[in-house]
């Protein structure tokens, strides 16, 4: 497995955070489970919270990838 540049890794404990694809796949599973229903309120809240954390991990990976692309092309980061 190729090692990724730290610039693309999420800032929060990169060693413990899942990779982008793993976080995305788990997030999709969380969404499917929430959409299917049949969970208790506590289970649904726990799933929602997990989904929020996974979405943040994915966004950090994407932001890191954008920074690397901007650095490689010499472009200034887009103002968001």
PDB file of N, CA and C in Angstrom:
ATOM      1  N   UNK A   1       0.849  -1.174   0.000  1.00  0.00           N
ATOM      2  CA  UNK A   1       0.000   0.000   0.000  1.00  0.00           C
ATOM      3  C   UNK A   1       0.895   1.237   0.000  1.00  0.00           C
ATOM      4  N   UNK A   2       0.628   2.189  -0.864  1.00  0.00           N
ATOM      5  CA  UNK A   2       1.427   3.398  -0.953  1.00  0.00           C
ATOM      6  C   UNK A   2       1.127   4.314   0.227  1.00  0.00           C
ATOM      7  N   UNK A   3       2.193   4.909   0.756  1.00  0.00           N
ATOM      8  CA  UNK A   3       2.010   5.843   1.865  1.00  0.00           C
ATOM      9  C   UNK A   3       1.588   7.182   1.298  1.00  0.00           C
ATOM     10  N   UNK A   4       0.616   7.833   1.979  1.00  0.00           N
ATOM     11  CA  UNK A   4       0.112   9.102   1.493  1.00  0.00           C
ATOM     12  C   UNK A   4       0.831  10.242   2.178  1.00  0.00           C
ATOM     13  N   UNK A   5       0.918  11.371   1.493  1.00  0.00           N
ATOM     14  CA  UNK A   5       1.506  12.582   2.029  1.00  0.00           C
ATOM     15  C   UNK A   5       0.672  13.078   3.202  1.00  0.00           C
ATOM     16  N   UNK A   6       1.336  13.534   4.275  1.00  0.00           N
ATOM     17  CA  UNK A   6       0.632  14.036   5.448  1.00  0.00           C
ATOM     18  C   UNK A   6      -0.269  15.210   5.126  1.00  0.00           C
ATOM     19  N   UNK A   7       0.015  15.958   4.071  1.00  0.00           N
ATOM     20  CA  UNK A   7      -0.806  17.123   3.723  1.00  0.00           C
ATOM     21  C   UNK A   7      -2.225  16.722   3.341  1.00  0.00           C
ATOM     22  N   UNK A   8      -2.411  15.483   2.909  1.00  0.00           N
ATOM     23  CA  UNK A   8      -3.751  15.048   2.507  1.00  0.00           C
ATOM     24  C   UNK A   8      -4.486  14.362   3.642  1.00  0.00           C
ATOM     25  N   UNK A   9      -3.782  14.076   4.731  1.00  0.00           N
ATOM     26  CA  UNK A   9      -4.417  13.389   5.855  1.00  0.00           C
ATOM     27  C   UNK A   9      -5.224  14.358   6.695  1.00  0.00           C
ATOM     28  N   UNK A  10      -6.278  13.862   7.316  1.00  0.00           N
ATOM     29  CA  UNK A  10      -7.037  14.706   8.233  1.00  0.00           C
ATOM     30  C   UNK A  10      -6.153  15.173   9.375  1.00  0.00           C
ATOM     31  N   UNK A  11      -6.426  16.355   9.889  1.00  0.00           N
ATOM     32  CA  UNK A  11      -5.624  16.933  10.946  1.00  0.00           C
ATOM     33  C   UNK A  11      -5.765  16.189  12.269  1.00  0.00           C
ATOM     34  N   UNK A  12      -6.940  15.657  12.580  1.00  0.00           N
ATOM     35  CA  UNK A  12      -7.185  14.994  13.849  1.00  0.00           C
ATOM     36  C   UNK A  12      -6.619  13.592  13.840  1.00  0.00           C
ATOM     37  N   UNK A  13      -5.563  13.374  14.577  1.00  0.00           N
ATOM     38  CA  UNK A  13      -4.941  12.070  14.761  1.00  0.00           C
ATOM     39  C   UNK A  13      -4.968  11.229  13.487  1.00  0.00           C
ATOM     40  N   UNK A  14      -4.142  11.598  12.542  1.00  0.00           N
ATOM     41  CA  UNK A  14      -4.118  10.953  11.229  1.00  0.00           C
ATOM     42  C   UNK A  14      -3.918   9.446  11.329  1.00  0.00           C
ATOM     43  N   UNK A  15      -3.207   8.975  12.380  1.00  0.00           N
ATOM     44  CA  UNK A  15      -2.967   7.548  12.513  1.00  0.00           C
ATOM     45  C   UNK A  15      -4.235   6.796  12.898  1.00  0.00           C
ATOM     46  N   UNK A  16      -5.158   7.447  13.589  1.00  0.00           N
ATOM     47  CA  UNK A  16      -6.376   6.791  14.038  1.00  0.00           C
ATOM     48  C   UNK A  16      -7.545   7.013  13.085  1.00  0.00           C
ATOM     49  N   UNK A  17      -7.518   8.074  12.324  1.00  0.00           N
ATOM     50  CA  UNK A  17      -8.614   8.388  11.417  1.00  0.00           C
ATOM     51  C   UNK A  17      -8.592   7.417  10.234  1.00  0.00           C
ATOM     52  N   UNK A  18      -9.778   7.011   9.787  1.00  0.00           N
ATOM     53  CA  UNK A  18      -9.816   6.113   8.630  1.00  0.00           C
ATOM     54  C   UNK A  18      -9.399   6.850   7.360  1.00  0.00           C
ATOM     55  N   UNK A  19      -9.004   6.082   6.356  1.00  0.00           N
ATOM     56  CA  UNK A  19      -8.711   6.661   5.065  1.00  0.00           C
ATOM     57  C   UNK A  19      -9.998   7.161   4.423  1.00  0.00           C
ATOM     58  N   UNK A  20      -9.853   7.937   3.353  1.00  0.00           N
ATOM     59  CA  UNK A  20     -11.021   8.530   2.706  1.00  0.00           C
ATOM     60  C   UNK A  20     -12.023   7.468   2.265  1.00  0.00           C
ATOM     61  N   UNK A  21     -11.549   6.456   1.548  1.00  0.00           N
ATOM     62  CA  UNK A  21     -12.464   5.442   1.016  1.00  0.00           C
ATOM     63  C   UNK A  21     -13.162   4.678   2.135  1.00  0.00           C
ATOM     64  N   UNK A  22     -12.417   4.356   3.193  1.00  0.00           N
ATOM     65  CA  UNK A  22     -13.014   3.644   4.324  1.00  0.00           C
ATOM     66  C   UNK A  22     -14.076   4.504   4.999  1.00  0.00           C
ATOM     67  N   UNK A  23     -13.764   5.786   5.228  1.00  0.00           N
ATOM     68  CA  UNK A  23     -14.730   6.698   5.857  1.00  0.00           C
ATOM     69  C   UNK A  23     -15.954   6.879   4.974  1.00  0.00           C
ATOM     70  N   UNK A  24     -15.736   7.024   3.665  1.00  0.00           N
ATOM     71  CA  UNK A  24     -16.857   7.197   2.730  1.00  0.00           C
ATOM     72  C   UNK A  24     -17.757   5.979   2.725  1.00  0.00           C
ATOM     73  N   UNK A  25     -17.156   4.784   2.670  1.00  0.00           N
ATOM     74  CA  UNK A  25     -17.947   3.556   2.649  1.00  0.00           C
ATOM     75  C   UNK A  25     -18.733   3.375   3.942  1.00  0.00           C
ATOM     76  N   UNK A  26     -18.087   3.671   5.073  1.00  0.00           N
ATOM     77  CA  UNK A  26     -18.796   3.547   6.342  1.00  0.00           C
ATOM     78  C   UNK A  26     -19.916   4.583   6.435  1.00  0.00           C
ATOM     79  N   UNK A  27     -19.672   5.784   5.917  1.00  0.00           N
ATOM     80  CA  UNK A  27     -20.705   6.819   5.911  1.00  0.00           C
ATOM     81  C   UNK A  27     -21.906   6.375   5.071  1.00  0.00           C
ATOM     82  N   UNK A  28     -21.652   5.776   3.931  1.00  0.00           N
ATOM     83  CA  UNK A  28     -22.746   5.258   3.103  1.00  0.00           C
ATOM     84  C   UNK A  28     -23.551   4.192   3.850  1.00  0.00           C
ATOM     85  N   UNK A  29     -22.855   3.348   4.599  1.00  0.00           N
ATOM     86  CA  UNK A  29     -23.541   2.331   5.381  1.00  0.00           C
ATOM     87  C   UNK A  29     -24.401   2.975   6.471  1.00  0.00           C
ATOM     88  N   UNK A  30     -23.872   4.001   7.128  1.00  0.00           N
ATOM     89  CA  UNK A  30     -24.634   4.707   8.162  1.00  0.00           C
ATOM     90  C   UNK A  30     -25.901   5.309   7.554  1.00  0.00           C
ATOM     91  N   UNK A  31     -25.772   5.938   6.399  1.00  0.00           N
ATOM     92  CA  UNK A  31     -26.934   6.551   5.742  1.00  0.00           C
ATOM     93  C   UNK A  31     -27.968   5.485   5.389  1.00  0.00           C
ATOM     94  N   UNK A  32     -27.520   4.362   4.838  1.00  0.00           N
ATOM     95  CA  UNK A  32     -28.449   3.272   4.489  1.00  0.00           C
ATOM     96  C   UNK A  32     -29.207   2.785   5.726  1.00  0.00           C
ATOM     97  N   UNK A  33     -28.478   2.621   6.822  1.00  0.00           N
ATOM     98  CA  UNK A  33     -29.110   2.140   8.057  1.00  0.00           C
ATOM     99  C   UNK A  33     -30.127   3.145   8.591  1.00  0.00           C
ATOM    100  N   UNK A  34     -29.782   4.433   8.532  1.00  0.00           N
ATOM    101  CA  UNK A  34     -30.723   5.451   8.986  1.00  0.00           C
ATOM    102  C   UNK A  34     -31.954   5.508   8.087  1.00  0.00           C
ATOM    103  N   UNK A  35     -31.752   5.401   6.776  1.00  0.00           N
ATOM    104  CA  UNK A  35     -32.874   5.443   5.844  1.00  0.00           C
ATOM    105  C   UNK A  35     -33.779   4.217   5.978  1.00  0.00           C
ATOM    106  N   UNK A  36     -33.189   3.087   6.327  1.00  0.00           N
ATOM    107  CA  UNK A  36     -33.969   1.856   6.463  1.00  0.00           C
ATOM    108  C   UNK A  36     -34.874   1.902   7.687  1.00  0.00           C
ATOM    109  N   UNK A  37     -34.492   2.690   8.673  1.00  0.00           N
ATOM    110  CA  UNK A  37     -35.295   2.767   9.894  1.00  0.00           C
ATOM    111  C   UNK A  37     -35.152   1.514  10.724  1.00  0.00           C
ATOM    112  N   UNK A  38     -36.079   1.341  11.648  1.00  0.00           N
ATOM    113  CA  UNK A  38     -36.059   0.148  12.476  1.00  0.00           C
ATOM    114  C   UNK A  38     -35.073   0.216  13.621  1.00  0.00           C
ATOM    115  N   UNK A  39     -34.516   1.392  13.885  1.00  0.00           N
ATOM    116  CA  UNK A  39     -33.596   1.544  14.999  1.00  0.00           C
ATOM    117  C   UNK A  39     -34.281   2.324  16.109  1.00  0.00           C
ATOM    118  N   UNK A  40     -33.766   2.158  17.301  1.00  0.00           N
ATOM    119  CA  UNK A  40     -34.293   2.948  18.404  1.00  0.00           C
ATOM    120  C   UNK A  40     -33.787   4.380  18.243  1.00  0.00           C
ATOM    121  N   UNK A  41     -34.369   5.278  19.002  1.00  0.00           N
ATOM    122  CA  UNK A  41     -33.923   6.670  18.965  1.00  0.00           C
ATOM    123  C   UNK A  41     -32.457   6.774  19.345  1.00  0.00           C
ATOM    124  N   UNK A  42     -32.051   6.055  20.385  1.00  0.00           N
ATOM    125  CA  UNK A  42     -30.642   6.091  20.805  1.00  0.00           C
ATOM    126  C   UNK A  42     -29.718   5.575  19.711  1.00  0.00           C
ATOM    127  N   UNK A  43     -30.111   4.482  19.051  1.00  0.00           N
ATOM    128  CA  UNK A  43     -29.298   3.934  17.963  1.00  0.00           C
ATOM    129  C   UNK A  43     -29.218   4.928  16.801  1.00  0.00           C
ATOM    130  N   UNK A  44     -30.351   5.546  16.477  1.00  0.00           N
ATOM    131  CA  UNK A  44     -30.376   6.508  15.380  1.00  0.00           C
ATOM    132  C   UNK A  44     -29.494   7.717  15.695  1.00  0.00           C
ATOM    133  N   UNK A  45     -29.544   8.185  16.936  1.00  0.00           N
ATOM    134  CA  UNK A  45     -28.694   9.317  17.320  1.00  0.00           C
ATOM    135  C   UNK A  45     -27.217   8.943  17.253  1.00  0.00           C
ATOM    136  N   UNK A  46     -26.881   7.744  17.701  1.00  0.00           N
ATOM    137  CA  UNK A  46     -25.492   7.289  17.638  1.00  0.00           C
ATOM    138  C   UNK A  46     -25.028   7.176  16.183  1.00  0.00           C
ATOM    139  N   UNK A  47     -25.897   6.654  15.321  1.00  0.00           N
ATOM    140  CA  UNK A  47     -25.557   6.571  13.904  1.00  0.00           C
ATOM    141  C   UNK A  47     -25.364   7.953  13.300  1.00  0.00           C
ATOM    142  N   UNK A  48     -26.253   8.878  13.638  1.00  0.00           N
ATOM    143  CA  UNK A  48     -26.156  10.247  13.121  1.00  0.00           C
ATOM    144  C   UNK A  48     -24.827  10.874  13.544  1.00  0.00           C
ATOM    145  N   UNK A  49     -24.486  10.724  14.825  1.00  0.00           N
ATOM    146  CA  UNK A  49     -23.225  11.295  15.320  1.00  0.00           C
ATOM    147  C   UNK A  49     -22.028  10.674  14.615  1.00  0.00           C
ATOM    148  N   UNK A  50     -22.055   9.361  14.407  1.00  0.00           N
ATOM    149  CA  UNK A  50     -20.973   8.690  13.692  1.00  0.00           C
ATOM    150  C   UNK A  50     -20.898   9.213  12.255  1.00  0.00           C
ATOM    151  N   UNK A  51     -22.046   9.383  11.636  1.00  0.00           N
ATOM    152  CA  UNK A  51     -22.076   9.913  10.277  1.00  0.00           C
ATOM    153  C   UNK A  51     -21.488  11.310  10.193  1.00  0.00           C
ATOM    154  N   UNK A  52     -21.785  12.142  11.173  1.00  0.00           N
ATOM    155  CA  UNK A  52     -21.216  13.496  11.199  1.00  0.00           C
ATOM    156  C   UNK A  52     -19.693  13.444  11.306  1.00  0.00           C
ATOM    157  N   UNK A  53     -19.183  12.567  12.155  1.00  0.00           N
ATOM    158  CA  UNK A  53     -17.723  12.435  12.301  1.00  0.00           C
ATOM    159  C   UNK A  53     -17.096  11.919  11.009  1.00  0.00           C
ATOM    160  N   UNK A  54     -17.746  10.939  10.390  1.00  0.00           N
ATOM    161  CA  UNK A  54     -17.214  10.401   9.136  1.00  0.00           C
ATOM    162  C   UNK A  54     -17.246  11.433   8.018  1.00  0.00           C
ATOM    163  N   UNK A  55     -18.307  12.230   7.966  1.00  0.00           N
ATOM    164  CA  UNK A  55     -18.393  13.290   6.953  1.00  0.00           C
ATOM    165  C   UNK A  55     -17.266  14.302   7.154  1.00  0.00           C
ATOM    166  N   UNK A  56     -16.960  14.610   8.411  1.00  0.00           N
ATOM    167  CA  UNK A  56     -15.867  15.553   8.698  1.00  0.00           C
ATOM    168  C   UNK A  56     -14.526  14.970   8.260  1.00  0.00           C
ATOM    169  N   UNK A  57     -14.320  13.679   8.491  1.00  0.00           N
ATOM    170  CA  UNK A  57     -13.082  13.020   8.056  1.00  0.00           C
ATOM    171  C   UNK A  57     -12.962  13.101   6.536  1.00  0.00           C
ATOM    172  N   UNK A  58     -14.052  12.787   5.838  1.00  0.00           N
ATOM    173  CA  UNK A  58     -14.034  12.859   4.368  1.00  0.00           C
ATOM    174  C   UNK A  58     -13.709  14.275   3.900  1.00  0.00           C
ATOM    175  N   UNK A  59     -14.330  15.270   4.520  1.00  0.00           N
ATOM    176  CA  UNK A  59     -14.083  16.659   4.121  1.00  0.00           C
ATOM    177  C   UNK A  59     -12.629  17.049   4.359  1.00  0.00           C
ATOM    178  N   UNK A  60     -12.047  16.585   5.470  1.00  0.00           N
ATOM    179  CA  UNK A  60     -10.638  16.887   5.737  1.00  0.00           C
ATOM    180  C   UNK A  60      -9.739  16.266   4.679  1.00  0.00           C
ATOM    181  N   UNK A  61     -10.042  15.032   4.273  1.00  0.00           N
ATOM    182  CA  UNK A  61      -9.267  14.395   3.210  1.00  0.00           C
ATOM    183  C   UNK A  61      -9.378  15.194   1.907  1.00  0.00           C
ATOM    184  N   UNK A  62     -10.597  15.609   1.575  1.00  0.00           N
ATOM    185  CA  UNK A  62     -10.805  16.375   0.339  1.00  0.00           C
ATOM    186  C   UNK A  62     -10.113  17.723   0.405  1.00  0.00           C
ATOM    187  N   UNK A  63     -10.170  18.380   1.557  1.00  0.00           N
ATOM    188  CA  UNK A  63      -9.479  19.664   1.719  1.00  0.00           C
ATOM    189  C   UNK A  63      -7.971  19.490   1.571  1.00  0.00           C
ATOM    190  N   UNK A  64      -7.445  18.408   2.148  1.00  0.00           N
ATOM    191  CA  UNK A  64      -6.017  18.135   2.017  1.00  0.00           C
ATOM    192  C   UNK A  64      -5.622  17.867   0.571  1.00  0.00           C
ATOM    193  N   UNK A  65      -6.464  17.142  -0.135  1.00  0.00           N
ATOM    194  CA  UNK A  65      -6.192  16.870  -1.549  1.00  0.00           C
ATOM    195  C   UNK A  65      -6.209  18.164  -2.349  1.00  0.00           C
ATOM    196  N   UNK A  66      -7.155  19.056  -2.042  1.00  0.00           N
ATOM    197  CA  UNK A  66      -7.235  20.342  -2.742  1.00  0.00           C
ATOM    198  C   UNK A  66      -5.975  21.166  -2.474  1.00  0.00           C
ATOM    199  N   UNK A  67      -5.504  21.171  -1.210  1.00  0.00           N
ATOM    200  CA  UNK A  67      -4.281  21.921  -0.884  1.00  0.00           C
ATOM    201  C   UNK A  67      -3.092  21.371  -1.665  1.00  0.00           C
ATOM    202  N   UNK A  68      -3.013  20.047  -1.761  1.00  0.00           N
ATOM    203  CA  UNK A  68      -1.902  19.443  -2.507  1.00  0.00           C
ATOM    204  C   UNK A  68      -1.977  19.796  -3.989  1.00  0.00           C
ATOM    205  N   UNK A  69      -3.185  19.752  -4.561  1.00  0.00           N
ATOM    206  CA  UNK A  69      -3.338  20.118  -5.973  1.00  0.00           C
ATOM    207  C   UNK A  69      -2.984  21.581  -6.202  1.00  0.00           C
ATOM    208  N   UNK A  70      -3.457  22.443  -5.302  1.00  0.00           N
ATOM    209  CA  UNK A  70      -3.142  23.863  -5.424  1.00  0.00           C
ATOM    210  C   UNK A  70      -1.633  24.101  -5.339  1.00  0.00           C
ATOM    211  N   UNK A  71      -0.975  23.406  -4.414  1.00  0.00           N
ATOM    212  CA  UNK A  71       0.475  23.545  -4.260  1.00  0.00           C
ATOM    213  C   UNK A  71       1.197  23.043  -5.504  1.00  0.00           C
ATOM    214  N   UNK A  72       0.729  21.940  -6.073  1.00  0.00           N
ATOM    215  CA  UNK A  72       1.372  21.345  -7.236  1.00  0.00           C
ATOM    216  C   UNK A  72       1.213  22.196  -8.486  1.00  0.00           C
ATOM    217  N   UNK A  73       0.081  22.896  -8.570  1.00  0.00           N
ATOM    218  CA  UNK A  73      -0.176  23.717  -9.758  1.00  0.00           C
ATOM    219  C   UNK A  73       0.197  25.172  -9.545  1.00  0.00           C
ATOM    220  N   UNK A  74       0.584  25.513  -8.313  1.00  0.00           N
ATOM    221  CA  UNK A  74       0.956  26.885  -8.016  1.00  0.00           C
ATOM    222  C   UNK A  74      -0.211  27.827  -7.892  1.00  0.00           C
ATOM    223  N   UNK A  75      -1.416  27.276  -7.733  1.00  0.00           N
ATOM    224  CA  UNK A  75      -2.606  28.108  -7.595  1.00  0.00           C
ATOM    225  C   UNK A  75      -2.812  28.515  -6.150  1.00  0.00           C
ATOM    226  N   UNK A  76      -3.477  29.627  -5.980  1.00  0.00           N
ATOM    227  CA  UNK A  76      -3.841  30.074  -4.642  1.00  0.00           C
ATOM    228  C   UNK A  76      -5.076  29.293  -4.210  1.00  0.00           C
ATOM    229  N   UNK A  77      -5.149  28.978  -2.905  1.00  0.00           N
ATOM    230  CA  UNK A  77      -6.351  28.291  -2.422  1.00  0.00           C
ATOM    231  C   UNK A  77      -7.605  29.119  -2.653  1.00  0.00           C
ATOM    232  N   UNK A  78      -8.665  28.463  -3.026  1.00  0.00           N
ATOM    233  CA  UNK A  78      -9.951  29.160  -3.268  1.00  0.00           C
ATOM    234  C   UNK A  78     -10.516  29.625  -1.942  1.00  0.00           C
ATOM    235  N   UNK A  79     -11.069  30.812  -1.917  1.00  0.00           N
ATOM    236  CA  UNK A  79     -11.730  31.345  -0.726  1.00  0.00           C
ATOM    237  C   UNK A  79     -13.102  30.714  -0.624  1.00  0.00           C
ATOM    238  N   UNK A  80     -13.389  30.144   0.531  1.00  0.00           N
ATOM    239  CA  UNK A  80     -14.688  29.509   0.741  1.00  0.00           C
ATOM    240  C   UNK A  80     -15.426  30.216   1.834  1.00  0.00           C
TER     241      UNK A  80
END
